[in-house]
C-alpha atoms as a PDB file:
ATOM      1  CA  UNK A   1       4.542 -18.107  -7.748  1.00  0.00           C
ATOM      2  CA  UNK A   2       4.800 -14.426  -6.906  1.00  0.00           C
ATOM      3  CA  UNK A   3       2.305 -13.141  -4.396  1.00  0.00           C
ATOM      4  CA  UNK A   4       0.803  -9.726  -4.931  1.00  0.00           C
ATOM      5  CA  UNK A   5       0.857  -9.638  -8.710  1.00  0.00           C
ATOM      6  CA  UNK A   6      -0.528  -6.304  -9.917  1.00  0.00           C
ATOM      7  CA  UNK A   7      -3.541  -7.915 -11.557  1.00  0.00           C
ATOM      8  CA  UNK A   8      -5.841 -10.865 -11.164  1.00  0.00           C
ATOM      9  CA  UNK A   9      -8.070 -12.004 -14.059  1.00  0.00           C
ATOM     10  CA  UNK A  10     -10.816 -12.863 -11.580  1.00  0.00           C
ATOM     11  CA  UNK A  11     -11.092  -9.306 -10.250  1.00  0.00           C
ATOM     12  CA  UNK A  12     -13.151  -6.699 -12.104  1.00  0.00           C
ATOM     13  CA  UNK A  13     -12.738  -3.678  -9.865  1.00  0.00           C
ATOM     14  CA  UNK A  14     -10.096  -1.249  -8.701  1.00  0.00           C
ATOM     15  CA  UNK A  15      -6.657  -1.032 -10.255  1.00  0.00           C
ATOM     16  CA  UNK A  16      -7.139  -4.190 -12.334  1.00  0.00           C
ATOM     17  CA  UNK A  17     -10.262  -2.715 -13.919  1.00  0.00           C
ATOM     18  CA  UNK A  18      -8.356   0.499 -14.749  1.00  0.00           C
ATOM     19  CA  UNK A  19      -5.577  -1.451 -16.484  1.00  0.00           C
ATOM     20  CA  UNK A  20      -8.128  -3.502 -18.407  1.00  0.00           C
ATOM     21  CA  UNK A  21      -9.768  -0.273 -19.603  1.00  0.00           C
ATOM     22  CA  UNK A  22      -6.371   1.124 -20.628  1.00  0.00           C
ATOM     23  CA  UNK A  23      -5.699  -2.033 -22.633  1.00  0.00           C
ATOM     24  CA  UNK A  24      -9.119  -1.830 -24.294  1.00  0.00           C
ATOM     25  CA  UNK A  25      -8.466   1.818 -25.174  1.00  0.00           C
ATOM     26  CA  UNK A  26      -5.073   0.925 -26.632  1.00  0.00           C
ATOM     27  CA  UNK A  27      -6.547  -1.861 -28.761  1.00  0.00           C
ATOM     28  CA  UNK A  28      -9.358   0.398 -29.974  1.00  0.00           C
ATOM     29  CA  UNK A  29      -7.020   3.309 -30.759  1.00  0.00           C
ATOM     30  CA  UNK A  30      -4.749   1.010 -32.784  1.00  0.00           C
ATOM     31  CA  UNK A  31      -7.781  -0.355 -34.701  1.00  0.00           C
ATOM     32  CA  UNK A  32      -6.861  -3.908 -33.747  1.00  0.00           C
ATOM     33  CA  UNK A  33      -9.470  -6.597 -34.289  1.00  0.00           C
ATOM     34  CA  UNK A  34      -9.718  -8.257 -30.871  1.00  0.00           C
ATOM     35  CA  UNK A  35     -11.304 -11.338 -32.423  1.00  0.00           C
ATOM     36  CA  UNK A  36      -8.302 -12.099 -34.614  1.00  0.00           C
ATOM     37  CA  UNK A  37      -5.058 -11.205 -32.835  1.00  0.00           C
ATOM     38  CA  UNK A  38      -1.769 -12.434 -34.198  1.00  0.00           C
ATOM     39  CA  UNK A  39       1.015 -13.417 -31.818  1.00  0.00           C
ATOM     40  CA  UNK A  40       2.879 -10.249 -32.829  1.00  0.00           C
ATOM     41  CA  UNK A  41      -0.109  -8.082 -31.891  1.00  0.00           C
ATOM     42  CA  UNK A  42      -0.460  -9.824 -28.521  1.00  0.00           C
ATOM     43  CA  UNK A  43       3.267  -9.284 -27.937  1.00  0.00           C
ATOM     44  CA  UNK A  44       2.936  -5.585 -28.820  1.00  0.00           C
ATOM     45  CA  UNK A  45       0.023  -5.087 -26.461  1.00  0.00           C
ATOM     46  CA  UNK A  46       1.922  -6.973 -23.753  1.00  0.00           C
ATOM     47  CA  UNK A  47       4.809  -4.509 -24.173  1.00  0.00           C
ATOM     48  CA  UNK A  48       2.292  -1.685 -23.686  1.00  0.00           C
ATOM     49  CA  UNK A  49       0.899  -3.400 -20.582  1.00  0.00           C
ATOM     50  CA  UNK A  50       4.410  -3.786 -19.152  1.00  0.00           C
ATOM     51  CA  UNK A  51       4.919  -0.027 -19.550  1.00  0.00           C
ATOM     52  CA  UNK A  52       1.910   0.892 -17.389  1.00  0.00           C
ATOM     53  CA  UNK A  53       3.227   2.473 -14.158  1.00  0.00           C
ATOM     54  CA  UNK A  54       1.960  -0.061 -11.573  1.00  0.00           C
ATOM     55  CA  UNK A  55       3.074  -3.024 -13.688  1.00  0.00           C
ATOM     56  CA  UNK A  56       6.419  -1.457 -14.550  1.00  0.00           C
ATOM     57  CA  UNK A  57       7.083  -0.784 -10.859  1.00  0.00           C
ATOM     58  CA  UNK A  58       6.130  -4.352  -9.945  1.00  0.00           C
ATOM     59  CA  UNK A  59       8.444  -5.773 -12.622  1.00  0.00           C
ATOM     60  CA  UNK A  60      11.318  -3.666 -11.296  1.00  0.00           C
ATOM     61  CA  UNK A  61      10.595  -4.886  -7.754  1.00  0.00           C
ATOM     62  CA  UNK A  62      10.422  -8.524  -8.874  1.00  0.00           C
ATOM     63  CA  UNK A  63      13.708  -8.241 -10.788  1.00  0.00           C
ATOM     64  CA  UNK A  64      15.435  -6.865  -7.692  1.00  0.00           C
ATOM     65  CA  UNK A  65      13.859  -9.004  -4.991  1.00  0.00           C
ATOM     66  CA  UNK A  66      12.772 -12.303  -6.521  1.00  0.00           C
ATOM     67  CA  UNK A  67      13.868 -15.163  -8.726  1.00  0.00           C
ATOM     68  CA  UNK A  68      14.157 -14.476 -12.499  1.00  0.00           C
ATOM     69  CA  UNK A  69      11.475 -17.090 -13.182  1.00  0.00           C
ATOM     70  CA  UNK A  70       9.012 -14.812 -11.419  1.00  0.00           C
ATOM     71  CA  UNK A  71       9.376 -12.224 -14.212  1.00  0.00           C
ATOM     72  CA  UNK A  72       8.498 -14.966 -16.694  1.00  0.00           C
ATOM     73  CA  UNK A  73       5.419 -15.778 -14.599  1.00  0.00           C
ATOM     74  CA  UNK A  74       4.459 -12.100 -14.572  1.00  0.00           C
ATOM     75  CA  UNK A  75       4.799 -11.914 -18.365  1.00  0.00           C
ATOM     76  CA  UNK A  76       2.607 -15.011 -18.695  1.00  0.00           C
ATOM     77  CA  UNK A  77      -0.058 -13.323 -16.569  1.00  0.00           C
ATOM     78  CA  UNK A  78       0.203 -10.182 -18.707  1.00  0.00           C
ATOM     79  CA  UNK A  79      -0.467 -12.232 -21.842  1.00  0.00           C
ATOM     80  CA  UNK A  80      -3.506 -13.749 -20.120  1.00  0.00           C
ATOM     81  CA  UNK A  81      -4.697 -10.241 -19.213  1.00  0.00           C
ATOM     82  CA  UNK A  82      -4.244  -9.046 -22.809  1.00  0.00           C
ATOM     83  CA  UNK A  83      -6.112 -12.011 -24.282  1.00  0.00           C
ATOM     84  CA  UNK A  84      -8.887 -11.759 -21.679  1.00  0.00           C
ATOM     85  CA  UNK A  85      -9.284  -8.023 -22.323  1.00  0.00           C
ATOM     86  CA  UNK A  86      -9.379  -8.649 -26.082  1.00  0.00           C
ATOM     87  CA  UNK A  87     -12.030 -11.326 -25.673  1.00  0.00           C
ATOM     88  CA  UNK A  88     -14.205  -9.030 -23.568  1.00  0.00           C
ATOM     89  CA  UNK A  89     -13.716  -6.128 -25.996  1.00  0.00           C
ATOM     90  CA  UNK A  90     -14.659  -8.382 -28.917  1.00  0.00           C
ATOM     91  CA  UNK A  91     -17.794  -9.549 -27.094  1.00  0.00           C
ATOM     92  CA  UNK A  92     -18.855  -5.992 -26.264  1.00  0.00           C
ATOM     93  CA  UNK A  93     -18.250  -4.912 -29.892  1.00  0.00           C
ATOM     94  CA  UNK A  94     -20.415  -7.776 -31.161  1.00  0.00           C
ATOM     95  CA  UNK A  95     -23.112  -6.907 -28.617  1.00  0.00           C
ATOM     96  CA  UNK A  96     -23.135  -3.254 -29.776  1.00  0.00           C
ATOM     97  CA  UNK A  97     -23.393  -4.325 -33.425  1.00  0.00           C
ATOM     98  CA  UNK A  98     -26.300  -6.647 -32.602  1.00  0.00           C
ATOM     99  CA  UNK A  99     -28.058  -3.936 -30.582  1.00  0.00           C
ATOM    100  CA  UNK A 100     -27.731  -1.471 -33.476  1.00  0.00           C
ATOM    101  CA  UNK A 101     -29.057  -4.031 -35.941  1.00  0.00           C
ATOM    102  CA  UNK A 102     -31.912  -4.923 -33.604  1.00  0.00           C
ATOM    103  CA  UNK A 103     -32.706  -1.235 -33.102  1.00  0.00           C
ATOM    104  CA  UNK A 104     -32.906  -0.690 -36.866  1.00  0.00           C
ATOM    105  CA  UNK A 105     -35.189  -3.707 -37.245  1.00  0.00           C
ATOM    106  CA  UNK A 106     -37.480  -2.441 -34.484  1.00  0.00           C
ATOM    107  CA  UNK A 107     -37.586   1.063 -36.010  1.00  0.00           C
ATOM    108  CA  UNK A 108     -38.522  -0.376 -39.416  1.00  0.00           C
ATOM    109  CA  UNK A 109     -41.157  -2.606 -37.792  1.00  0.00           C
ATOM    110  CA  UNK A 110     -42.817   0.286 -35.923  1.00  0.00           C
ATOM    111  CA  UNK A 111     -43.182   2.423 -39.066  1.00  0.00           C
END
């Protein structure tokens, strides 16, 4: 296990939060449905995540200083980050849809 990975799914602040927001923005810009990702889409988003500067630098460091299996572990964590970000984006999209529908119902009720 590599210590000091550039992200931790349990943390929701700082650099990890910024990367999560970048992933959400990427998924939204590509019009991907976070509730129904294919393996190819997850792989594509993982490639994007690997290209982010802090992650890319960490991968380079791990390749130079650690065992090759550590890069595999890092990639596994990236996939977890992508899937976790997609799940949270999907939940927030569903919440917004429900709030809009509820708002319309309340507006119709008050008239």
